[in-house]
Amino acid sequence: MRPDTDASYFNAQTHLDPFEFLREGFLGRVEDQGLVVSSWAPQVEILSHGSTGGFLTRCAWNSILECVVCGVPMIVWPLFAKQKMNVILVTNGLGVARRMKVEENRVVRRDEVENCVLSLIEGEDGRIMRLKVSELK
């Protein structure tokens, strides 16, 4: 989460150690499989990289624009305010995103995240979204 994000929405507090919430040993288990960024990441640089196949976003307007400019389809999980309207635009209107199913307690289950990622990367829906976002780019 960006340092300037309103953490009170998530019922969270700001801590000095950005990895404090991770289970013990997590960083060691994933060090050969990926990258864990401890601070704000250069989003446009990441989105414009050729290996980026999709982006999980809360659907803030700048992130939507950056994804479209970089030709990256989205998985969306709106949290509040205008993000919910933005989701309608990118899913129903433009067809460049897939919305995750959120449970009543506002949690997204890990199998839902997995299904969305697989659909985006390997599925026909993902292929269509990539074509549409390429056209918009």
N, C-alpha and C. Protein backbone atom coordinates (compact mmCIF):
# COMPACT_ATOMS: atom_id res chain seq x y z
N MET A 1 0.84 -1.17 0.00
CA MET A 1 0.00 0.00 0.00
C MET A 1 0.89 1.24 0.00
N ARG A 2 0.54 2.19 -0.84
CA ARG A 2 1.30 3.43 -0.89
C ARG A 2 1.27 4.12 0.47
N PRO A 3 2.37 4.78 0.82
CA PRO A 3 2.43 5.46 2.12
C PRO A 3 1.39 6.56 2.26
N ASP A 4 0.94 7.17 1.16
CA ASP A 4 -0.02 8.27 1.26
C ASP A 4 -1.46 7.80 1.17
N THR A 5 -1.70 6.48 1.15
CA THR A 5 -3.04 5.94 1.10
C THR A 5 -3.70 6.08 2.46
N ASP A 6 -4.99 6.31 2.47
CA ASP A 6 -5.73 6.42 3.71
C ASP A 6 -5.85 5.03 4.35
N ALA A 7 -4.92 4.68 5.21
CA ALA A 7 -4.88 3.36 5.83
C ALA A 7 -6.08 3.10 6.73
N SER A 8 -6.76 4.16 7.17
CA SER A 8 -7.90 3.95 8.06
C SER A 8 -9.02 3.19 7.36
N TYR A 9 -9.11 3.27 6.04
CA TYR A 9 -10.13 2.52 5.31
C TYR A 9 -9.92 1.02 5.51
N PHE A 10 -8.68 0.61 5.60
CA PHE A 10 -8.35 -0.79 5.75
C PHE A 10 -8.25 -1.20 7.21
N ASN A 11 -8.53 -0.27 8.12
CA ASN A 11 -8.43 -0.52 9.54
C ASN A 11 -6.99 -0.92 9.89
N ALA A 12 -6.05 -0.24 9.27
CA ALA A 12 -4.64 -0.56 9.45
C ALA A 12 -3.93 0.64 10.07
N GLN A 13 -2.75 0.37 10.56
CA GLN A 13 -1.92 1.42 11.10
C GLN A 13 -0.60 1.42 10.35
N THR A 14 0.06 2.56 10.34
CA THR A 14 1.35 2.66 9.68
C THR A 14 2.42 2.11 10.62
N HIS A 15 3.28 1.25 10.07
CA HIS A 15 4.37 0.65 10.85
C HIS A 15 5.70 0.95 10.17
N LEU A 16 6.76 0.91 10.95
CA LEU A 16 8.08 1.17 10.40
C LEU A 16 8.56 0.03 9.50
N ASP A 17 8.25 -1.23 9.85
CA ASP A 17 8.68 -2.38 9.06
C ASP A 17 7.59 -2.71 8.04
N PRO A 18 7.85 -2.50 6.74
CA PRO A 18 6.81 -2.74 5.73
C PRO A 18 6.46 -4.22 5.58
N PHE A 19 7.30 -5.13 6.10
CA PHE A 19 7.05 -6.57 5.98
C PHE A 19 6.51 -7.18 7.27
N GLU A 20 6.17 -6.35 8.23
CA GLU A 20 5.72 -6.83 9.54
C GLU A 20 4.50 -7.75 9.46
N PHE A 21 3.63 -7.52 8.48
CA PHE A 21 2.40 -8.29 8.38
C PHE A 21 2.59 -9.66 7.72
N LEU A 22 3.76 -9.92 7.13
CA LEU A 22 4.01 -11.19 6.45
C LEU A 22 4.33 -12.28 7.47
N ARG A 23 3.95 -13.51 7.15
CA ARG A 23 4.28 -14.64 8.02
C ARG A 23 5.78 -14.84 8.07
N GLU A 24 6.24 -15.35 9.21
CA GLU A 24 7.67 -15.60 9.39
C GLU A 24 8.16 -16.58 8.32
N GLY A 25 9.27 -16.24 7.68
CA GLY A 25 9.87 -17.09 6.67
C GLY A 25 9.35 -16.88 5.26
N PHE A 26 8.34 -16.03 5.07
CA PHE A 26 7.75 -15.82 3.74
C PHE A 26 8.77 -15.31 2.73
N LEU A 27 9.52 -14.29 3.11
CA LEU A 27 10.48 -13.70 2.18
C LEU A 27 11.52 -14.72 1.73
N GLY A 28 11.96 -15.57 2.63
CA GLY A 28 12.92 -16.62 2.27
C GLY A 28 12.33 -17.64 1.31
N ARG A 29 11.05 -17.96 1.49
CA ARG A 29 10.40 -18.96 0.63
C ARG A 29 10.17 -18.45 -0.79
N VAL A 30 10.02 -17.16 -0.98
CA VAL A 30 9.70 -16.63 -2.31
C VAL A 30 10.88 -15.95 -3.00
N GLU A 31 12.04 -15.91 -2.36
CA GLU A 31 13.14 -15.12 -2.92
C GLU A 31 13.59 -15.59 -4.30
N ASP A 32 13.41 -16.86 -4.64
CA ASP A 32 13.81 -17.37 -5.96
C ASP A 32 12.65 -17.36 -6.96
N GLN A 33 11.45 -16.93 -6.53
CA GLN A 33 10.27 -17.00 -7.38
C GLN A 33 9.72 -15.65 -7.79
N GLY A 34 10.09 -14.62 -7.10
CA GLY A 34 9.51 -13.32 -7.41
C GLY A 34 10.23 -12.21 -6.68
N LEU A 35 9.60 -11.06 -6.64
CA LEU A 35 10.19 -9.89 -6.04
C LEU A 35 9.17 -9.25 -5.11
N VAL A 36 9.56 -9.00 -3.88
CA VAL A 36 8.71 -8.30 -2.93
C VAL A 36 9.28 -6.91 -2.78
N VAL A 37 8.48 -5.91 -3.09
CA VAL A 37 8.92 -4.52 -3.05
C VAL A 37 8.51 -3.92 -1.72
N SER A 38 9.47 -3.34 -1.00
CA SER A 38 9.20 -2.83 0.35
C SER A 38 8.67 -1.40 0.36
N SER A 39 8.71 -0.73 -0.75
CA SER A 39 8.23 0.65 -0.79
C SER A 39 7.46 0.85 -2.10
N TRP A 40 7.14 2.07 -2.40
CA TRP A 40 6.37 2.38 -3.59
C TRP A 40 7.14 1.96 -4.84
N ALA A 41 6.49 1.20 -5.72
CA ALA A 41 7.13 0.69 -6.93
C ALA A 41 6.87 1.63 -8.11
N PRO A 42 7.77 1.66 -9.08
CA PRO A 42 7.58 2.51 -10.28
C PRO A 42 6.54 1.86 -11.20
N GLN A 43 5.28 2.17 -10.99
CA GLN A 43 4.17 1.49 -11.65
C GLN A 43 4.23 1.55 -13.17
N VAL A 44 4.47 2.71 -13.75
CA VAL A 44 4.49 2.84 -15.21
C VAL A 44 5.63 2.02 -15.80
N GLU A 45 6.76 2.02 -15.13
CA GLU A 45 7.91 1.24 -15.59
C GLU A 45 7.57 -0.26 -15.58
N ILE A 46 6.89 -0.71 -14.56
CA ILE A 46 6.49 -2.12 -14.46
C ILE A 46 5.44 -2.45 -15.51
N LEU A 47 4.44 -1.59 -15.66
CA LEU A 47 3.38 -1.83 -16.65
C LEU A 47 3.91 -1.85 -18.07
N SER A 48 4.94 -1.07 -18.34
CA SER A 48 5.46 -1.00 -19.71
C SER A 48 6.44 -2.13 -20.03
N HIS A 49 6.78 -2.93 -19.05
CA HIS A 49 7.70 -4.05 -19.28
C HIS A 49 6.99 -5.16 -20.05
N GLY A 50 7.66 -5.73 -21.02
CA GLY A 50 7.06 -6.74 -21.89
C GLY A 50 6.56 -7.99 -21.20
N SER A 51 7.06 -8.29 -20.01
CA SER A 51 6.63 -9.50 -19.32
C SER A 51 5.40 -9.30 -18.44
N THR A 52 4.91 -8.06 -18.36
CA THR A 52 3.72 -7.79 -17.55
C THR A 52 2.48 -8.18 -18.34
N GLY A 53 1.79 -9.23 -17.86
CA GLY A 53 0.63 -9.75 -18.58
C GLY A 53 -0.69 -9.24 -18.06
N GLY A 54 -0.70 -8.57 -16.93
CA GLY A 54 -1.94 -8.06 -16.36
C GLY A 54 -1.62 -7.28 -15.09
N PHE A 55 -2.64 -6.60 -14.59
CA PHE A 55 -2.44 -5.75 -13.42
C PHE A 55 -3.66 -5.83 -12.52
N LEU A 56 -3.44 -6.14 -11.26
CA LEU A 56 -4.51 -6.13 -10.26
C LEU A 56 -4.58 -4.73 -9.69
N THR A 57 -5.73 -4.09 -9.85
CA THR A 57 -5.86 -2.69 -9.44
C THR A 57 -7.17 -2.45 -8.70
N ARG A 58 -7.16 -1.45 -7.84
CA ARG A 58 -8.38 -1.04 -7.14
C ARG A 58 -9.22 -0.14 -8.03
N CYS A 59 -8.68 0.18 -9.19
CA CYS A 59 -9.40 0.92 -10.23
C CYS A 59 -9.42 2.43 -10.02
N ALA A 60 -8.32 2.95 -9.52
CA ALA A 60 -8.15 4.40 -9.49
C ALA A 60 -7.91 4.87 -10.93
N TRP A 61 -8.32 6.07 -11.23
CA TRP A 61 -8.30 6.55 -12.60
C TRP A 61 -6.89 6.56 -13.19
N ASN A 62 -5.89 7.02 -12.43
CA ASN A 62 -4.52 7.06 -12.97
C ASN A 62 -4.03 5.66 -13.33
N SER A 63 -4.34 4.68 -12.50
CA SER A 63 -3.92 3.30 -12.80
C SER A 63 -4.59 2.79 -14.07
N ILE A 64 -5.85 3.13 -14.26
CA ILE A 64 -6.56 2.72 -15.47
C ILE A 64 -5.87 3.33 -16.70
N LEU A 65 -5.60 4.62 -16.65
CA LEU A 65 -4.94 5.28 -17.78
C LEU A 65 -3.57 4.69 -18.06
N GLU A 66 -2.81 4.42 -17.00
CA GLU A 66 -1.48 3.84 -17.18
C GLU A 66 -1.56 2.46 -17.81
N CYS A 67 -2.53 1.66 -17.39
CA CYS A 67 -2.71 0.33 -17.98
C CYS A 67 -3.06 0.42 -19.45
N VAL A 68 -3.98 1.31 -19.79
CA VAL A 68 -4.39 1.44 -21.19
C VAL A 68 -3.22 1.94 -22.04
N VAL A 69 -2.50 2.95 -21.58
CA VAL A 69 -1.37 3.48 -22.33
C VAL A 69 -0.30 2.41 -22.54
N CYS A 70 -0.14 1.53 -21.57
CA CYS A 70 0.86 0.45 -21.67
C CYS A 70 0.29 -0.81 -22.31
N GLY A 71 -1.00 -0.84 -22.60
CA GLY A 71 -1.62 -2.00 -23.23
C GLY A 71 -1.74 -3.21 -22.32
N VAL A 72 -2.02 -2.98 -21.05
CA VAL A 72 -2.08 -4.06 -20.07
C VAL A 72 -3.53 -4.25 -19.58
N PRO A 73 -4.10 -5.46 -19.74
CA PRO A 73 -5.44 -5.71 -19.22
C PRO A 73 -5.42 -5.77 -17.69
N MET A 74 -6.60 -5.63 -17.09
CA MET A 74 -6.68 -5.49 -15.64
C MET A 74 -7.58 -6.53 -14.99
N ILE A 75 -7.26 -6.82 -13.75
CA ILE A 75 -8.17 -7.49 -12.83
C ILE A 75 -8.50 -6.42 -11.81
N VAL A 76 -9.78 -6.19 -11.59
CA VAL A 76 -10.16 -5.04 -10.77
C VAL A 76 -10.86 -5.46 -9.49
N TRP A 77 -10.55 -4.69 -8.44
CA TRP A 77 -11.10 -4.90 -7.10
C TRP A 77 -11.35 -3.52 -6.49
N PRO A 78 -12.46 -2.87 -6.85
CA PRO A 78 -12.71 -1.52 -6.34
C PRO A 78 -12.99 -1.54 -4.85
N LEU A 79 -12.54 -0.49 -4.17
CA LEU A 79 -12.73 -0.43 -2.73
C LEU A 79 -13.76 0.60 -2.31
N PHE A 80 -13.75 1.78 -2.92
CA PHE A 80 -14.70 2.81 -2.51
C PHE A 80 -14.81 3.90 -3.56
N ALA A 81 -15.77 4.77 -3.33
CA ALA A 81 -15.99 5.98 -4.12
C ALA A 81 -16.08 5.71 -5.62
N LYS A 82 -15.41 6.55 -6.41
CA LYS A 82 -15.54 6.49 -7.87
C LYS A 82 -14.92 5.24 -8.48
N GLN A 83 -14.14 4.50 -7.70
CA GLN A 83 -13.54 3.27 -8.23
C GLN A 83 -14.62 2.31 -8.71
N LYS A 84 -15.75 2.28 -8.04
CA LYS A 84 -16.84 1.37 -8.44
C LYS A 84 -17.43 1.79 -9.79
N MET A 85 -17.49 3.07 -10.06
CA MET A 85 -17.95 3.54 -11.38
C MET A 85 -16.91 3.24 -12.45
N ASN A 86 -15.64 3.41 -12.10
CA ASN A 86 -14.57 3.12 -13.05
C ASN A 86 -14.59 1.66 -13.48
N VAL A 87 -14.93 0.77 -12.56
CA VAL A 87 -15.00 -0.66 -12.88
C VAL A 87 -16.02 -0.92 -13.97
N ILE A 88 -17.16 -0.27 -13.90
CA ILE A 88 -18.20 -0.45 -14.92
C ILE A 88 -17.65 -0.06 -16.29
N LEU A 89 -16.91 1.02 -16.35
CA LEU A 89 -16.33 1.47 -17.61
C LEU A 89 -15.35 0.45 -18.19
N VAL A 90 -14.40 -0.03 -17.36
CA VAL A 90 -13.36 -0.91 -17.90
C VAL A 90 -13.82 -2.35 -18.12
N THR A 91 -14.87 -2.78 -17.40
CA THR A 91 -15.37 -4.14 -17.60
C THR A 91 -16.47 -4.16 -18.66
N ASN A 92 -17.59 -3.56 -18.35
CA ASN A 92 -18.75 -3.59 -19.26
C ASN A 92 -18.56 -2.70 -20.48
N GLY A 93 -18.01 -1.51 -20.28
CA GLY A 93 -17.89 -0.56 -21.38
C GLY A 93 -16.76 -0.87 -22.35
N LEU A 94 -15.56 -1.00 -21.83
CA LEU A 94 -14.39 -1.18 -22.69
C LEU A 94 -13.97 -2.64 -22.85
N GLY A 95 -14.32 -3.48 -21.90
CA GLY A 95 -13.98 -4.90 -21.98
C GLY A 95 -12.50 -5.19 -21.83
N VAL A 96 -11.80 -4.37 -21.03
CA VAL A 96 -10.35 -4.56 -20.85
C VAL A 96 -10.00 -5.03 -19.44
N ALA A 97 -11.01 -5.43 -18.67
CA ALA A 97 -10.77 -5.84 -17.28
C ALA A 97 -11.79 -6.89 -16.85
N ARG A 98 -11.38 -7.64 -15.83
CA ARG A 98 -12.27 -8.62 -15.20
C ARG A 98 -12.38 -8.25 -13.72
N ARG A 99 -13.61 -8.25 -13.24
CA ARG A 99 -13.84 -7.91 -11.84
C ARG A 99 -13.81 -9.16 -10.97
N MET A 100 -13.11 -9.05 -9.83
CA MET A 100 -13.06 -10.17 -8.89
C MET A 100 -14.34 -10.22 -8.07
N LYS A 101 -14.73 -11.43 -7.70
CA LYS A 101 -15.90 -11.61 -6.83
C LYS A 101 -15.47 -11.38 -5.39
N VAL A 102 -16.19 -10.49 -4.73
CA VAL A 102 -15.88 -10.13 -3.35
C VAL A 102 -16.95 -10.73 -2.45
N GLU A 103 -16.54 -11.34 -1.36
CA GLU A 103 -17.48 -11.93 -0.42
C GLU A 103 -18.11 -10.85 0.45
N GLU A 104 -19.13 -11.20 1.20
CA GLU A 104 -19.84 -10.23 2.02
C GLU A 104 -18.94 -9.50 3.00
N ASN A 105 -17.89 -10.15 3.47
CA ASN A 105 -16.98 -9.52 4.43
C ASN A 105 -15.90 -8.68 3.74
N ARG A 106 -16.08 -8.40 2.44
CA ARG A 106 -15.18 -7.59 1.61
C ARG A 106 -13.84 -8.26 1.35
N VAL A 107 -13.80 -9.58 1.48
CA VAL A 107 -12.57 -10.34 1.24
C VAL A 107 -12.70 -11.06 -0.09
N VAL A 108 -11.59 -11.16 -0.80
CA VAL A 108 -11.52 -11.94 -2.03
C VAL A 108 -10.75 -13.20 -1.69
N ARG A 109 -11.35 -14.35 -1.99
CA ARG A 109 -10.71 -15.63 -1.68
C ARG A 109 -9.54 -15.89 -2.63
N ARG A 110 -8.55 -16.62 -2.15
CA ARG A 110 -7.36 -16.89 -2.96
C ARG A 110 -7.70 -17.65 -4.23
N ASP A 111 -8.71 -18.54 -4.20
CA ASP A 111 -9.08 -19.26 -5.41
C ASP A 111 -9.70 -18.33 -6.45
N GLU A 112 -10.35 -17.27 -6.01
CA GLU A 112 -10.89 -16.28 -6.94
C GLU A 112 -9.75 -15.51 -7.61
N VAL A 113 -8.74 -15.15 -6.83
CA VAL A 113 -7.57 -14.47 -7.41
C VAL A 113 -6.91 -15.39 -8.44
N GLU A 114 -6.74 -16.66 -8.08
CA GLU A 114 -6.13 -17.62 -8.99
C GLU A 114 -6.95 -17.75 -10.28
N ASN A 115 -8.26 -17.88 -10.16
CA ASN A 115 -9.12 -18.00 -11.35
C ASN A 115 -9.01 -16.77 -12.25
N CYS A 116 -9.01 -15.60 -11.65
CA CYS A 116 -8.90 -14.37 -12.44
C CYS A 116 -7.57 -14.29 -13.17
N VAL A 117 -6.48 -14.62 -12.48
CA VAL A 117 -5.16 -14.56 -13.10
C VAL A 117 -5.06 -15.57 -14.24
N LEU A 118 -5.51 -16.81 -14.00
CA LEU A 118 -5.46 -17.82 -15.05
C LEU A 118 -6.31 -17.42 -16.25
N SER A 119 -7.48 -16.87 -15.99
CA SER A 119 -8.35 -16.41 -17.07
C SER A 119 -7.68 -15.31 -17.88
N LEU A 120 -7.03 -14.40 -17.20
CA LEU A 120 -6.38 -13.28 -17.86
C LEU A 120 -5.17 -13.74 -18.68
N ILE A 121 -4.38 -14.64 -18.12
CA ILE A 121 -3.12 -15.03 -18.77
C ILE A 121 -3.33 -16.14 -19.81
N GLU A 122 -4.20 -17.11 -19.50
CA GLU A 122 -4.33 -18.28 -20.37
C GLU A 122 -5.67 -18.40 -21.09
N GLY A 123 -6.69 -17.74 -20.59
CA GLY A 123 -8.04 -17.96 -21.11
C GLY A 123 -8.41 -17.12 -22.32
N GLU A 124 -9.50 -17.50 -22.92
CA GLU A 124 -10.04 -16.77 -24.08
C GLU A 124 -10.44 -15.35 -23.70
N ASP A 125 -11.03 -15.19 -22.50
CA ASP A 125 -11.41 -13.85 -22.04
C ASP A 125 -10.19 -12.93 -21.97
N GLY A 126 -9.08 -13.48 -21.47
CA GLY A 126 -7.85 -12.70 -21.39
C GLY A 126 -7.33 -12.32 -22.76
N ARG A 127 -7.41 -13.24 -23.71
CA ARG A 127 -6.96 -12.95 -25.07
C ARG A 127 -7.77 -11.79 -25.65
N ILE A 128 -9.07 -11.83 -25.44
CA ILE A 128 -9.95 -10.76 -25.95
C ILE A 128 -9.64 -9.43 -25.26
N MET A 129 -9.42 -9.47 -23.95
CA MET A 129 -9.08 -8.24 -23.23
C MET A 129 -7.76 -7.65 -23.73
N ARG A 130 -6.78 -8.52 -24.00
CA ARG A 130 -5.49 -8.03 -24.51
C ARG A 130 -5.66 -7.36 -25.88
N LEU A 131 -6.50 -7.96 -26.73
CA LEU A 131 -6.76 -7.34 -28.04
C LEU A 131 -7.42 -5.98 -27.88
N LYS A 132 -8.42 -5.90 -27.01
CA LYS A 132 -9.14 -4.64 -26.83
C LYS A 132 -8.25 -3.55 -26.24
N VAL A 133 -7.43 -3.91 -25.25
CA VAL A 133 -6.58 -2.90 -24.64
C VAL A 133 -5.47 -2.48 -25.62
N SER A 134 -5.05 -3.40 -26.49
CA SER A 134 -4.08 -3.04 -27.54
C SER A 134 -4.68 -2.02 -28.50
N GLU A 135 -5.94 -2.21 -28.85
CA GLU A 135 -6.62 -1.25 -29.73
C GLU A 135 -6.73 0.12 -29.07
N LEU A 136 -7.05 0.14 -27.77
CA LEU A 136 -7.16 1.41 -27.06
C LEU A 136 -5.80 2.09 -26.94
N LYS A 137 -4.76 1.30 -26.77
CA LYS A 137 -3.42 1.85 -26.63
C LYS A 137 -3.08 2.70 -27.84
